[in-house]
């Protein structure tokens, strides 16, 4: 029984590493907003709840990602208040998942067929169920019209948190690029 438990634990760990966490990204914007009037942007302070989940390094990575995307569209980052203001919200939730493994090999013995071997006899299988906890993170990026204070654009990235910090900078850069694919202002053509 101990060997079965160890084998199942190894299989679960292998399965979890093979299925890398994927990030779901959705965006929406107010179609009545004239985005061509925005030439500059600034950042709003991170709210207190988000500060619980985002360290200074990752906050800067998020800002750098947004800056790169908006500057590629001709907007200029300013200190203080710009034509548009960018705000971040981060939410982290603990979730519980369940996996099950069924051993369908029956007992050994004689029966119809070609002699001694495994036969999947009814009632001879066993199922092991295991629960595990994981974290799901949501990053919400809001762009407001600084003049009207109304929400103009919103991007939401949601997915399982990868605890491996090795690729975090690259992942944030890629996710920010994906988030701005359908932004209402196209990237400027490079000269």
Foldseek 3Di string as FASTA:
>chain_A
DVVVVVVVVVVVVVVDVVDDKDKDKDKDFDPVDDPVVFAEEEEDDADPVQCVPDPPVVVVLLVVLVQVLVVLLRHYYDYDGGQKYKYKYKDKDKDKDKDKDKDQWADWDADPDDGTDTDRDPPRMDMDMDMDMFMKMKMKMFMARRVVRDTGMIMIMIITDDPDPPCVSVVSNVVSVVNCPVPPGDGDDDD
